[in-house]
């Protein structure tokens, strides 16, 4: 039913947790394969993927190019689930994903829909809760989920969209924009992520927020917003 594609790079620890969340779904036949496309890890990412029985490939390219390559290698699922290695799917996620796929199979043009998960941060405190609320509003109002919310899309629809474009960043917003807000469904199951603190500080974070706003609200092409994003 589902082929999972994970772009990794020095993701040894994160990948252990991400893959463990897929085990129940694999046991029930919902996840048919996991393809890990690595960007040149120097840690034990390859050993983790091998121990879990993943399809392993290497491509020293951008994350978007690795995801597109992973989709081309996936052969067993009619639906593709793109996950970042730091994303841990909430227990029971596959039941909701399976129900969405079954609804899509019955609905007119259902194969031309896609789904994403609800974002939840591991951190405690008010800041994390505010971040989750902002992400939920942004996802539903603009149809622009973050990449670490995952993307579940039929292979057929992914092909019609032309897959992930070769962008150094903002590939999540680019493909969401091409899917369209009306064709994105947001599942109740959570995608748990540690979040990111930009090492370059507040100015870099502000630039990235502005770049994402330009793509999401002003509909600026992601290829033009990449330079601002950094």
N, C-alpha and C. Protein backbone atom coordinates (compact mmCIF):
# COMPACT_ATOMS: atom_id res chain seq x y z
N UNK A 1 0.82 -1.21 0.00
CA UNK A 1 0.00 0.00 0.00
C UNK A 1 0.86 1.26 0.00
N UNK A 2 1.83 1.36 0.97
CA UNK A 2 2.64 2.57 1.11
C UNK A 2 4.12 2.25 0.99
N UNK A 3 4.82 3.02 0.19
CA UNK A 3 6.29 3.02 0.17
C UNK A 3 6.75 4.28 0.88
N UNK A 4 7.62 4.13 1.86
CA UNK A 4 8.12 5.26 2.63
C UNK A 4 9.48 5.68 2.08
N UNK A 5 9.67 6.95 1.84
CA UNK A 5 10.95 7.49 1.35
C UNK A 5 11.51 8.44 2.39
N UNK A 6 12.75 8.18 2.82
CA UNK A 6 13.41 8.99 3.83
C UNK A 6 14.75 9.48 3.30
N UNK A 7 14.95 10.79 3.17
CA UNK A 7 16.27 11.33 2.79
C UNK A 7 17.11 11.52 4.05
N UNK A 8 18.25 10.89 4.10
CA UNK A 8 19.06 10.93 5.32
C UNK A 8 20.44 11.53 5.05
N UNK A 9 21.05 11.99 6.12
CA UNK A 9 22.46 12.37 6.11
C UNK A 9 22.90 12.53 7.55
N UNK A 10 23.78 11.63 7.99
CA UNK A 10 24.22 11.58 9.39
C UNK A 10 23.01 11.58 10.32
N UNK A 11 22.11 10.65 10.04
CA UNK A 11 20.82 10.59 10.75
C UNK A 11 20.70 9.33 11.60
N UNK A 12 21.82 8.81 12.05
CA UNK A 12 21.86 7.54 12.76
C UNK A 12 20.83 7.45 13.89
N UNK A 13 20.88 8.39 14.83
CA UNK A 13 19.99 8.34 15.99
C UNK A 13 18.54 8.59 15.60
N UNK A 14 18.30 9.62 14.79
CA UNK A 14 16.94 9.96 14.40
C UNK A 14 16.28 8.83 13.63
N UNK A 15 17.08 8.16 12.77
CA UNK A 15 16.52 7.12 11.93
C UNK A 15 16.05 5.92 12.75
N UNK A 16 16.74 5.63 13.84
CA UNK A 16 16.32 4.52 14.71
C UNK A 16 14.89 4.74 15.18
N UNK A 17 14.60 5.94 15.65
CA UNK A 17 13.27 6.24 16.17
C UNK A 17 12.23 6.32 15.06
N UNK A 18 12.59 6.93 13.94
CA UNK A 18 11.66 7.05 12.81
C UNK A 18 11.25 5.68 12.29
N UNK A 19 12.21 4.78 12.16
CA UNK A 19 11.91 3.44 11.65
C UNK A 19 11.11 2.61 12.64
N UNK A 20 11.37 2.81 13.93
CA UNK A 20 10.62 2.05 14.93
C UNK A 20 9.14 2.37 14.88
N UNK A 21 8.80 3.62 14.53
CA UNK A 21 7.39 4.01 14.43
C UNK A 21 6.70 3.38 13.23
N UNK A 22 7.49 2.85 12.29
CA UNK A 22 6.92 2.24 11.09
C UNK A 22 6.68 0.74 11.24
N UNK A 23 7.25 0.15 12.30
CA UNK A 23 7.18 -1.31 12.47
C UNK A 23 5.75 -1.83 12.56
N UNK A 24 4.86 -1.25 13.40
CA UNK A 24 3.48 -1.77 13.44
C UNK A 24 2.78 -1.70 12.09
N UNK A 25 3.03 -0.63 11.35
CA UNK A 25 2.41 -0.49 10.03
C UNK A 25 2.94 -1.54 9.06
N UNK A 26 4.22 -1.85 9.16
CA UNK A 26 4.80 -2.89 8.31
C UNK A 26 4.25 -4.26 8.68
N UNK A 27 4.08 -4.50 9.98
CA UNK A 27 3.55 -5.79 10.44
C UNK A 27 2.13 -6.02 9.94
N UNK A 28 1.36 -4.95 9.75
CA UNK A 28 -0.02 -5.07 9.29
C UNK A 28 -0.14 -4.93 7.77
N UNK A 29 0.99 -4.80 7.09
CA UNK A 29 0.98 -4.75 5.64
C UNK A 29 0.65 -3.40 5.05
N UNK A 30 0.57 -2.36 5.89
CA UNK A 30 0.29 -1.01 5.38
C UNK A 30 1.54 -0.43 4.73
N UNK A 31 2.68 -0.56 5.40
CA UNK A 31 3.97 -0.14 4.83
C UNK A 31 4.60 -1.35 4.16
N UNK A 32 4.84 -1.23 2.87
CA UNK A 32 5.40 -2.35 2.09
C UNK A 32 6.91 -2.29 1.96
N UNK A 33 7.48 -1.08 2.02
CA UNK A 33 8.93 -0.93 1.91
C UNK A 33 9.32 0.44 2.42
N UNK A 34 10.59 0.55 2.81
CA UNK A 34 11.16 1.83 3.22
C UNK A 34 12.43 2.05 2.41
N UNK A 35 12.47 3.17 1.70
CA UNK A 35 13.64 3.51 0.88
C UNK A 35 14.36 4.67 1.56
N UNK A 36 15.62 4.45 1.91
CA UNK A 36 16.45 5.48 2.52
C UNK A 36 17.47 5.93 1.49
N UNK A 37 17.44 7.22 1.15
CA UNK A 37 18.40 7.78 0.19
C UNK A 37 19.33 8.70 0.95
N UNK A 38 20.58 8.34 1.01
CA UNK A 38 21.54 9.04 1.87
C UNK A 38 22.40 10.02 1.08
N UNK A 39 22.67 11.16 1.73
CA UNK A 39 23.44 12.21 1.08
C UNK A 39 24.92 12.20 1.40
N UNK A 40 25.43 11.10 1.95
CA UNK A 40 26.86 10.99 2.25
C UNK A 40 27.16 10.98 3.73
N UNK A 41 26.51 10.09 4.46
CA UNK A 41 26.69 10.02 5.91
C UNK A 41 28.07 9.48 6.27
N UNK A 42 28.59 9.97 7.40
CA UNK A 42 29.86 9.48 7.94
C UNK A 42 29.65 8.76 9.27
N UNK A 43 28.39 8.61 9.69
CA UNK A 43 28.10 7.88 10.92
C UNK A 43 27.55 6.50 10.56
N UNK A 44 26.73 5.91 11.41
CA UNK A 44 26.23 4.55 11.19
C UNK A 44 24.83 4.51 10.60
N UNK A 45 24.47 5.54 9.84
CA UNK A 45 23.15 5.57 9.21
C UNK A 45 22.93 4.35 8.32
N UNK A 46 23.93 3.97 7.56
CA UNK A 46 23.79 2.82 6.64
C UNK A 46 23.53 1.54 7.41
N UNK A 47 24.21 1.35 8.54
CA UNK A 47 24.02 0.14 9.34
C UNK A 47 22.62 0.08 9.93
N UNK A 48 22.10 1.24 10.35
CA UNK A 48 20.74 1.29 10.91
C UNK A 48 19.73 0.90 9.83
N UNK A 49 19.87 1.48 8.65
CA UNK A 49 18.95 1.17 7.55
C UNK A 49 19.03 -0.29 7.15
N UNK A 50 20.23 -0.84 7.12
CA UNK A 50 20.41 -2.24 6.74
C UNK A 50 19.79 -3.17 7.77
N UNK A 51 19.98 -2.88 9.04
CA UNK A 51 19.41 -3.72 10.09
C UNK A 51 17.89 -3.73 10.06
N UNK A 52 17.30 -2.63 9.60
CA UNK A 52 15.84 -2.52 9.53
C UNK A 52 15.28 -3.07 8.22
N UNK A 53 16.15 -3.52 7.31
CA UNK A 53 15.70 -4.08 6.05
C UNK A 53 15.26 -3.05 5.02
N UNK A 54 15.78 -1.85 5.13
CA UNK A 54 15.41 -0.79 4.18
C UNK A 54 16.12 -0.97 2.85
N UNK A 55 15.53 -0.43 1.81
CA UNK A 55 16.24 -0.27 0.54
C UNK A 55 17.18 0.92 0.72
N UNK A 56 18.46 0.73 0.39
CA UNK A 56 19.47 1.75 0.65
C UNK A 56 20.02 2.27 -0.67
N UNK A 57 20.14 3.58 -0.77
CA UNK A 57 20.74 4.20 -1.95
C UNK A 57 21.49 5.44 -1.49
N UNK A 58 22.47 5.86 -2.26
CA UNK A 58 23.22 7.07 -1.95
C UNK A 58 23.16 8.03 -3.13
N UNK A 59 23.02 9.30 -2.80
CA UNK A 59 23.00 10.34 -3.81
C UNK A 59 23.44 11.63 -3.14
N UNK A 60 24.59 12.12 -3.51
CA UNK A 60 25.10 13.35 -2.91
C UNK A 60 24.48 14.53 -3.64
N UNK A 61 23.29 14.87 -3.21
CA UNK A 61 22.51 15.94 -3.84
C UNK A 61 21.61 16.55 -2.78
N UNK A 62 20.79 17.51 -3.18
CA UNK A 62 19.89 18.17 -2.25
C UNK A 62 18.84 17.19 -1.74
N UNK A 63 18.19 17.57 -0.65
CA UNK A 63 17.14 16.72 -0.06
C UNK A 63 16.03 16.46 -1.07
N UNK A 64 15.65 17.49 -1.83
CA UNK A 64 14.57 17.31 -2.79
C UNK A 64 14.95 16.29 -3.87
N UNK A 65 16.18 16.33 -4.32
CA UNK A 65 16.64 15.38 -5.33
C UNK A 65 16.71 13.96 -4.77
N UNK A 66 17.09 13.85 -3.50
CA UNK A 66 17.12 12.52 -2.88
C UNK A 66 15.71 11.93 -2.73
N UNK A 67 14.73 12.78 -2.42
CA UNK A 67 13.36 12.29 -2.31
C UNK A 67 12.82 11.86 -3.67
N UNK A 68 13.11 12.65 -4.69
CA UNK A 68 12.67 12.28 -6.04
C UNK A 68 13.31 10.97 -6.49
N UNK A 69 14.58 10.81 -6.15
CA UNK A 69 15.28 9.57 -6.52
C UNK A 69 14.70 8.39 -5.75
N UNK A 70 14.41 8.60 -4.46
CA UNK A 70 13.81 7.54 -3.67
C UNK A 70 12.46 7.10 -4.23
N UNK A 71 11.68 8.06 -4.71
CA UNK A 71 10.39 7.72 -5.31
C UNK A 71 10.56 6.86 -6.56
N UNK A 72 11.62 7.13 -7.32
CA UNK A 72 11.87 6.34 -8.53
C UNK A 72 12.32 4.91 -8.20
N UNK A 73 12.89 4.72 -7.00
CA UNK A 73 13.34 3.38 -6.59
C UNK A 73 12.23 2.58 -5.93
N UNK A 74 11.22 3.26 -5.39
CA UNK A 74 10.13 2.58 -4.70
C UNK A 74 9.24 1.85 -5.71
N UNK A 75 8.97 0.57 -5.45
CA UNK A 75 8.23 -0.24 -6.42
C UNK A 75 7.01 -0.94 -5.82
N UNK A 76 6.90 -0.98 -4.51
CA UNK A 76 5.90 -1.86 -3.89
C UNK A 76 4.63 -1.16 -3.43
N UNK A 77 4.64 0.15 -3.34
CA UNK A 77 3.47 0.88 -2.85
C UNK A 77 2.86 1.78 -3.91
N UNK A 78 1.53 1.82 -3.96
CA UNK A 78 0.84 2.75 -4.85
C UNK A 78 0.77 4.15 -4.26
N UNK A 79 1.07 4.25 -2.97
CA UNK A 79 1.13 5.53 -2.29
C UNK A 79 2.53 5.74 -1.74
N UNK A 80 2.99 6.98 -1.79
CA UNK A 80 4.32 7.34 -1.33
C UNK A 80 4.19 8.20 -0.08
N UNK A 81 4.99 7.89 0.93
CA UNK A 81 5.02 8.68 2.15
C UNK A 81 6.43 9.23 2.32
N UNK A 82 6.58 10.54 2.17
CA UNK A 82 7.88 11.19 2.32
C UNK A 82 8.03 11.64 3.77
N UNK A 83 9.09 11.16 4.41
CA UNK A 83 9.34 11.47 5.81
C UNK A 83 10.77 11.96 5.98
N UNK A 84 10.96 12.93 6.85
CA UNK A 84 12.31 13.30 7.24
C UNK A 84 12.75 12.41 8.39
N UNK A 85 14.03 12.12 8.50
CA UNK A 85 14.48 11.18 9.54
C UNK A 85 14.19 11.64 10.96
N UNK A 86 14.06 12.95 11.17
CA UNK A 86 13.78 13.45 12.52
C UNK A 86 12.29 13.39 12.87
N UNK A 87 11.46 12.94 11.94
CA UNK A 87 10.01 12.88 12.18
C UNK A 87 9.63 11.52 12.76
N UNK A 88 8.97 11.55 13.91
CA UNK A 88 8.49 10.34 14.57
C UNK A 88 6.96 10.33 14.51
N UNK A 89 6.40 9.39 13.79
CA UNK A 89 4.95 9.34 13.64
C UNK A 89 4.30 8.76 14.89
N UNK A 90 3.20 9.37 15.29
CA UNK A 90 2.48 8.98 16.49
C UNK A 90 1.93 7.55 16.37
N UNK A 91 1.90 6.85 17.49
CA UNK A 91 1.38 5.47 17.51
C UNK A 91 -0.02 5.42 16.91
N UNK A 92 -0.24 4.46 16.04
CA UNK A 92 -1.54 4.29 15.40
C UNK A 92 -1.75 5.13 14.15
N UNK A 93 -0.72 5.82 13.71
CA UNK A 93 -0.84 6.70 12.55
C UNK A 93 -1.33 5.96 11.31
N UNK A 94 -0.91 4.69 11.19
CA UNK A 94 -1.19 3.96 9.96
C UNK A 94 -2.67 3.63 9.78
N UNK A 95 -3.41 3.56 10.89
CA UNK A 95 -4.85 3.32 10.77
C UNK A 95 -5.54 4.50 10.09
N UNK A 96 -5.15 5.70 10.49
CA UNK A 96 -5.72 6.89 9.88
C UNK A 96 -5.26 7.05 8.44
N UNK A 97 -3.99 6.75 8.17
CA UNK A 97 -3.48 6.83 6.80
C UNK A 97 -4.20 5.83 5.90
N UNK A 98 -4.43 4.64 6.42
CA UNK A 98 -5.13 3.62 5.64
C UNK A 98 -6.57 4.04 5.35
N UNK A 99 -7.23 4.62 6.35
CA UNK A 99 -8.60 5.09 6.15
C UNK A 99 -8.65 6.20 5.09
N UNK A 100 -7.65 7.09 5.11
CA UNK A 100 -7.59 8.15 4.10
C UNK A 100 -7.42 7.56 2.70
N UNK A 101 -6.55 6.58 2.56
CA UNK A 101 -6.31 5.96 1.26
C UNK A 101 -7.57 5.25 0.76
N UNK A 102 -8.27 4.59 1.66
CA UNK A 102 -9.50 3.90 1.27
C UNK A 102 -10.58 4.90 0.84
N UNK A 103 -10.67 6.04 1.53
CA UNK A 103 -11.62 7.08 1.12
C UNK A 103 -11.26 7.64 -0.24
N UNK A 104 -9.95 7.84 -0.45
CA UNK A 104 -9.49 8.38 -1.73
C UNK A 104 -9.81 7.43 -2.87
N UNK A 105 -9.76 6.13 -2.61
CA UNK A 105 -10.05 5.14 -3.65
C UNK A 105 -11.52 5.19 -4.06
N UNK A 106 -12.40 5.57 -3.13
CA UNK A 106 -13.84 5.61 -3.41
C UNK A 106 -14.29 6.94 -3.99
N UNK A 107 -13.57 8.00 -3.68
CA UNK A 107 -14.02 9.35 -4.06
C UNK A 107 -13.63 9.69 -5.50
N UNK A 108 -14.45 10.50 -6.18
CA UNK A 108 -14.08 10.98 -7.51
C UNK A 108 -12.78 11.81 -7.41
N UNK A 109 -11.83 11.53 -8.26
CA UNK A 109 -10.54 12.21 -8.26
C UNK A 109 -9.81 12.08 -6.92
N UNK A 110 -10.15 11.03 -6.16
CA UNK A 110 -9.52 10.84 -4.86
C UNK A 110 -8.03 10.58 -4.96
N UNK A 111 -7.60 10.00 -6.07
CA UNK A 111 -6.17 9.73 -6.23
C UNK A 111 -5.38 11.02 -6.43
N UNK A 112 -6.11 12.13 -6.67
CA UNK A 112 -5.43 13.42 -6.84
C UNK A 112 -5.53 14.25 -5.56
N UNK A 113 -5.47 13.58 -4.45
CA UNK A 113 -5.40 14.25 -3.15
C UNK A 113 -4.13 13.80 -2.45
N UNK A 114 -3.75 14.52 -1.43
CA UNK A 114 -2.57 14.17 -0.64
C UNK A 114 -2.88 14.49 0.82
N UNK A 115 -2.08 13.97 1.72
CA UNK A 115 -2.33 14.17 3.15
C UNK A 115 -1.03 14.46 3.87
N UNK A 116 -1.17 15.16 4.99
CA UNK A 116 -0.05 15.48 5.85
C UNK A 116 -0.51 15.30 7.30
N UNK A 117 0.46 15.18 8.21
CA UNK A 117 0.14 14.94 9.60
C UNK A 117 0.14 16.24 10.40
N UNK A 118 -0.45 16.18 11.58
CA UNK A 118 -0.46 17.32 12.49
C UNK A 118 0.92 17.45 13.14
N UNK A 119 1.46 18.65 13.17
CA UNK A 119 2.79 18.87 13.73
C UNK A 119 2.74 18.97 15.25
N UNK A 120 3.67 18.25 15.89
CA UNK A 120 3.81 18.35 17.34
C UNK A 120 5.29 18.37 17.69
N UNK A 121 5.68 19.30 18.56
CA UNK A 121 7.08 19.40 18.98
C UNK A 121 7.32 18.59 20.25
N UNK A 122 8.50 18.01 20.35
CA UNK A 122 8.86 17.25 21.54
C UNK A 122 9.04 18.15 22.76
N UNK A 123 9.42 19.38 22.52
CA UNK A 123 9.75 20.29 23.62
C UNK A 123 8.53 20.60 24.48
N UNK A 124 8.79 20.86 25.76
CA UNK A 124 7.75 21.31 26.68
C UNK A 124 7.71 22.84 26.64
N UNK A 125 6.68 23.40 27.21
CA UNK A 125 6.63 24.85 27.36
C UNK A 125 5.71 25.54 26.39
N UNK A 126 5.47 26.81 26.70
CA UNK A 126 4.53 27.62 25.93
C UNK A 126 5.01 27.86 24.51
N UNK A 127 6.31 28.05 24.33
CA UNK A 127 6.84 28.33 23.01
C UNK A 127 6.54 27.22 22.01
N UNK A 128 6.69 25.97 22.47
CA UNK A 128 6.42 24.83 21.59
C UNK A 128 4.95 24.76 21.23
N UNK A 129 4.08 25.04 22.22
CA UNK A 129 2.63 24.98 21.96
C UNK A 129 2.21 26.09 20.99
N UNK A 130 2.80 27.27 21.14
CA UNK A 130 2.50 28.36 20.21
C UNK A 130 2.96 27.98 18.80
N UNK A 131 4.15 27.37 18.72
CA UNK A 131 4.66 26.93 17.42
C UNK A 131 3.74 25.93 16.75
N UNK A 132 3.18 25.01 17.54
CA UNK A 132 2.25 24.03 16.99
C UNK A 132 0.97 24.69 16.48
N UNK A 133 0.48 25.67 17.23
CA UNK A 133 -0.73 26.38 16.81
C UNK A 133 -0.50 27.15 15.53
N UNK A 134 0.63 27.83 15.44
CA UNK A 134 0.97 28.57 14.22
C UNK A 134 1.09 27.63 13.04
N UNK A 135 1.73 26.47 13.26
CA UNK A 135 1.87 25.49 12.17
C UNK A 135 0.52 24.98 11.71
N UNK A 136 -0.40 24.75 12.67
CA UNK A 136 -1.73 24.26 12.31
C UNK A 136 -2.49 25.29 11.49
N UNK A 137 -2.42 26.56 11.90
CA UNK A 137 -3.11 27.61 11.17
C UNK A 137 -2.53 27.78 9.77
N UNK A 138 -1.21 27.78 9.71
CA UNK A 138 -0.54 27.94 8.42
C UNK A 138 -0.89 26.79 7.48
N UNK A 139 -0.93 25.57 8.02
CA UNK A 139 -1.22 24.39 7.20
C UNK A 139 -2.63 24.46 6.63
N UNK A 140 -3.58 24.78 7.49
CA UNK A 140 -4.98 24.72 7.06
C UNK A 140 -5.40 25.93 6.24
N UNK A 141 -4.91 27.12 6.62
CA UNK A 141 -5.32 28.32 5.90
C UNK A 141 -4.63 28.45 4.55
N UNK A 142 -3.33 28.11 4.52
CA UNK A 142 -2.56 28.30 3.29
C UNK A 142 -2.32 26.99 2.54
N UNK A 143 -2.60 25.84 3.19
CA UNK A 143 -2.31 24.57 2.55
C UNK A 143 -0.82 24.37 2.37
N UNK A 144 -0.03 24.79 3.37
CA UNK A 144 1.42 24.74 3.28
C UNK A 144 2.02 24.06 4.52
N UNK A 145 1.95 22.74 4.62
CA UNK A 145 2.56 22.05 5.76
C UNK A 145 4.08 22.10 5.68
N UNK A 146 4.72 21.97 6.84
CA UNK A 146 6.17 21.87 6.88
C UNK A 146 6.59 20.48 6.40
N UNK A 147 7.82 20.39 5.92
CA UNK A 147 8.33 19.10 5.45
C UNK A 147 8.36 18.04 6.52
N UNK A 148 8.57 18.46 7.79
CA UNK A 148 8.62 17.45 8.85
C UNK A 148 7.24 17.00 9.31
N UNK A 149 6.18 17.44 8.63
CA UNK A 149 4.84 16.91 8.86
C UNK A 149 4.55 15.71 7.96
N UNK A 150 5.49 15.37 7.09
CA UNK A 150 5.30 14.24 6.19
C UNK A 150 4.36 14.58 5.05
N UNK A 151 4.44 13.80 3.99
CA UNK A 151 3.55 13.97 2.84
C UNK A 151 3.19 12.61 2.30
N UNK A 152 1.88 12.31 2.30
CA UNK A 152 1.35 11.05 1.77
C UNK A 152 0.63 11.37 0.48
N UNK A 153 1.09 10.79 -0.62
CA UNK A 153 0.57 11.14 -1.95
C UNK A 153 0.60 9.91 -2.84
N UNK A 154 -0.40 9.77 -3.69
CA UNK A 154 -0.41 8.62 -4.59
C UNK A 154 0.72 8.73 -5.61
N UNK A 155 1.22 7.60 -6.00
CA UNK A 155 2.30 7.59 -6.99
C UNK A 155 1.85 8.26 -8.29
N UNK A 156 0.60 8.01 -8.66
CA UNK A 156 0.06 8.59 -9.90
C UNK A 156 0.03 10.11 -9.83
N UNK A 157 -0.47 10.65 -8.73
CA UNK A 157 -0.57 12.10 -8.58
C UNK A 157 0.82 12.72 -8.50
N UNK A 158 1.73 12.06 -7.80
CA UNK A 158 3.09 12.55 -7.68
C UNK A 158 3.74 12.66 -9.06
N UNK A 159 3.50 11.67 -9.89
CA UNK A 159 4.04 11.70 -11.25
C UNK A 159 3.44 12.81 -12.08
N UNK A 160 2.14 13.04 -11.95
CA UNK A 160 1.48 14.10 -12.71
C UNK A 160 2.00 15.48 -12.31
N UNK A 161 2.36 15.63 -11.03
CA UNK A 161 2.89 16.91 -10.56
C UNK A 161 4.34 17.13 -10.98
N UNK A 162 4.99 16.08 -11.43
CA UNK A 162 6.39 16.20 -11.80
C UNK A 162 7.34 15.95 -10.65
N UNK A 163 6.81 15.43 -9.52
CA UNK A 163 7.66 15.09 -8.38
C UNK A 163 8.28 16.30 -7.72
N UNK A 164 9.29 16.04 -6.90
CA UNK A 164 10.02 17.13 -6.24
C UNK A 164 10.97 17.80 -7.23
N UNK A 165 10.95 19.10 -7.24
CA UNK A 165 11.87 19.85 -8.08
C UNK A 165 13.23 19.95 -7.40
N UNK A 166 14.30 20.05 -8.17
CA UNK A 166 15.65 20.11 -7.59
C UNK A 166 15.96 21.48 -6.97
N UNK A 167 15.48 21.69 -5.75
CA UNK A 167 15.69 22.93 -5.01
C UNK A 167 16.59 22.68 -3.81
N UNK A 168 17.43 23.63 -3.45
CA UNK A 168 18.28 23.44 -2.26
C UNK A 168 17.49 23.54 -0.96
N UNK A 169 16.39 24.23 -0.94
CA UNK A 169 15.50 24.36 0.23
C UNK A 169 14.09 24.64 -0.27
N UNK A 170 13.13 24.66 0.66
CA UNK A 170 11.73 25.00 0.39
C UNK A 170 11.04 24.02 -0.55
N UNK A 171 11.59 22.83 -0.70
CA UNK A 171 10.96 21.84 -1.56
C UNK A 171 9.60 21.41 -1.01
N UNK A 172 9.43 21.50 0.32
CA UNK A 172 8.15 21.13 0.92
C UNK A 172 7.05 22.11 0.51
N UNK A 173 7.37 23.40 0.50
CA UNK A 173 6.38 24.39 0.10
C UNK A 173 6.12 24.36 -1.40
N UNK A 174 7.14 24.08 -2.16
CA UNK A 174 6.99 24.04 -3.61
C UNK A 174 6.01 22.96 -4.04
N UNK A 175 6.16 21.76 -3.49
CA UNK A 175 5.26 20.68 -3.91
C UNK A 175 3.86 20.88 -3.33
N UNK A 176 3.78 21.45 -2.12
CA UNK A 176 2.47 21.73 -1.53
C UNK A 176 1.70 22.74 -2.39
N UNK A 177 2.43 23.72 -2.90
CA UNK A 177 1.80 24.73 -3.76
C UNK A 177 1.26 24.10 -5.03
N UNK A 178 1.99 23.15 -5.59
CA UNK A 178 1.54 22.49 -6.81
C UNK A 178 0.39 21.51 -6.55
N UNK A 179 0.35 20.93 -5.35
CA UNK A 179 -0.78 20.08 -4.99
C UNK A 179 -2.05 20.92 -4.89
N UNK A 180 -1.95 22.05 -4.20
CA UNK A 180 -3.10 22.93 -4.05
C UNK A 180 -3.79 22.73 -2.71
N UNK A 181 -4.20 23.82 -2.10
CA UNK A 181 -4.81 23.78 -0.77
C UNK A 181 -6.05 22.90 -0.72
N UNK A 182 -6.87 22.95 -1.76
CA UNK A 182 -8.11 22.18 -1.78
C UNK A 182 -7.91 20.68 -1.92
N UNK A 183 -6.69 20.26 -2.26
CA UNK A 183 -6.44 18.83 -2.45
C UNK A 183 -5.53 18.25 -1.36
N UNK A 184 -5.34 19.02 -0.29
CA UNK A 184 -4.53 18.56 0.84
C UNK A 184 -5.42 18.27 2.04
N UNK A 185 -5.29 17.08 2.60
CA UNK A 185 -6.04 16.69 3.78
C UNK A 185 -5.06 16.61 4.95
N UNK A 186 -5.47 17.12 6.12
CA UNK A 186 -4.61 17.08 7.29
C UNK A 186 -5.15 16.06 8.28
N UNK A 187 -4.36 15.03 8.51
CA UNK A 187 -4.76 13.94 9.39
C UNK A 187 -4.61 14.34 10.85
N UNK A 188 -5.36 13.68 11.72
CA UNK A 188 -5.31 14.00 13.15
C UNK A 188 -4.06 13.44 13.82
N UNK A 189 -3.53 12.35 13.31
CA UNK A 189 -2.32 11.76 13.89
C UNK A 189 -1.16 12.75 13.79
N UNK A 190 -0.31 12.72 14.80
CA UNK A 190 0.77 13.72 14.89
C UNK A 190 2.09 13.20 14.32
N UNK A 191 2.82 14.13 13.74
CA UNK A 191 4.22 13.91 13.38
C UNK A 191 5.04 14.68 14.40
N UNK A 192 5.77 13.96 15.23
CA UNK A 192 6.51 14.57 16.33
C UNK A 192 7.93 14.88 15.87
N UNK A 193 8.36 16.10 16.11
CA UNK A 193 9.69 16.53 15.69
C UNK A 193 10.35 17.35 16.78
N UNK A 194 11.68 17.28 16.90
CA UNK A 194 12.35 18.07 17.92
C UNK A 194 12.37 19.55 17.61
N UNK A 195 12.07 19.93 16.36
CA UNK A 195 12.18 21.34 15.99
C UNK A 195 13.63 21.67 15.72
N UNK A 196 13.86 22.85 15.21
CA UNK A 196 15.21 23.28 14.86
C UNK A 196 15.51 24.66 15.40
N UNK A 197 16.70 24.82 15.93
CA UNK A 197 17.19 26.13 16.36
C UNK A 197 18.31 26.51 15.42
N UNK A 198 18.11 27.57 14.65
CA UNK A 198 19.09 27.95 13.63
C UNK A 198 20.36 28.49 14.29
N UNK A 199 21.47 27.93 13.88
CA UNK A 199 22.76 28.30 14.47
C UNK A 199 23.17 29.73 14.16
N UNK A 200 22.62 30.28 13.10
CA UNK A 200 22.98 31.64 12.73
C UNK A 200 22.17 32.69 13.48
N UNK A 201 21.27 32.23 14.34
CA UNK A 201 20.58 33.17 15.22
C UNK A 201 19.29 33.74 14.66
N UNK A 202 18.88 34.79 15.31
CA UNK A 202 17.56 35.38 15.06
C UNK A 202 17.41 35.89 13.63
N UNK A 203 18.43 36.55 13.09
CA UNK A 203 18.32 37.14 11.75
C UNK A 203 18.06 36.07 10.70
N UNK A 204 18.81 34.95 10.80
CA UNK A 204 18.61 33.87 9.83
C UNK A 204 17.21 33.28 9.97
N UNK A 205 16.75 33.12 11.21
CA UNK A 205 15.41 32.59 11.42
C UNK A 205 14.35 33.50 10.85
N UNK A 206 14.55 34.81 11.00
CA UNK A 206 13.60 35.78 10.46
C UNK A 206 13.57 35.73 8.94
N UNK A 207 14.73 35.59 8.33
CA UNK A 207 14.81 35.48 6.87
C UNK A 207 14.04 34.25 6.38
N UNK A 208 14.23 33.13 7.08
CA UNK A 208 13.56 31.90 6.65
C UNK A 208 12.05 32.01 6.80
N UNK A 209 11.60 32.62 7.89
CA UNK A 209 10.16 32.82 8.09
C UNK A 209 9.59 33.70 6.99
N UNK A 210 10.31 34.77 6.63
CA UNK A 210 9.85 35.67 5.58
C UNK A 210 9.79 34.95 4.23
N UNK A 211 10.80 34.13 3.95
CA UNK A 211 10.82 33.40 2.69
C UNK A 211 9.62 32.46 2.59
N UNK A 212 9.32 31.77 3.68
CA UNK A 212 8.18 30.86 3.68
C UNK A 212 6.86 31.61 3.55
N UNK A 213 6.79 32.80 4.17
CA UNK A 213 5.59 33.62 4.03
C UNK A 213 5.38 34.03 2.58
N UNK A 214 6.47 34.38 1.91
CA UNK A 214 6.38 34.80 0.51
C UNK A 214 5.84 33.68 -0.37
N UNK A 215 6.26 32.44 -0.09
CA UNK A 215 5.78 31.31 -0.88
C UNK A 215 4.34 30.97 -0.51
N UNK A 216 4.05 30.94 0.81
CA UNK A 216 2.74 30.49 1.25
C UNK A 216 1.65 31.52 1.05
N UNK A 217 1.88 32.76 1.45
CA UNK A 217 0.82 33.77 1.40
C UNK A 217 0.84 34.59 0.12
N UNK A 218 2.03 34.94 -0.36
CA UNK A 218 2.13 35.78 -1.55
C UNK A 218 2.24 34.97 -2.84
N UNK A 219 2.33 33.64 -2.68
CA UNK A 219 2.39 32.70 -3.82
C UNK A 219 3.60 32.92 -4.70
N UNK A 220 4.69 33.41 -4.10
CA UNK A 220 5.94 33.56 -4.84
C UNK A 220 6.50 32.18 -5.14
N UNK A 221 7.01 31.93 -6.34
CA UNK A 221 7.60 30.63 -6.64
C UNK A 221 8.74 30.31 -5.68
N UNK A 222 8.79 29.07 -5.22
CA UNK A 222 9.81 28.67 -4.24
C UNK A 222 11.21 28.87 -4.80
N UNK A 223 11.38 28.70 -6.09
CA UNK A 223 12.70 28.86 -6.70
C UNK A 223 13.23 30.28 -6.52
N UNK A 224 12.33 31.27 -6.43
CA UNK A 224 12.74 32.66 -6.25
C UNK A 224 12.98 32.99 -4.77
N UNK A 225 12.29 32.27 -3.88
CA UNK A 225 12.40 32.56 -2.45
C UNK A 225 13.60 31.86 -1.81
N UNK A 226 14.23 30.93 -2.51
CA UNK A 226 15.34 30.17 -1.95
C UNK A 226 16.49 31.08 -1.52
N UNK A 227 16.82 32.07 -2.34
CA UNK A 227 17.95 32.97 -2.01
C UNK A 227 17.68 33.73 -0.71
N UNK A 228 16.45 34.16 -0.51
CA UNK A 228 16.09 34.85 0.72
C UNK A 228 16.15 33.90 1.89
N UNK A 229 15.71 32.66 1.69
CA UNK A 229 15.68 31.66 2.75
C UNK A 229 17.08 31.36 3.28
N UNK A 230 18.05 31.28 2.38
CA UNK A 230 19.42 30.98 2.79
C UNK A 230 19.70 29.51 2.89
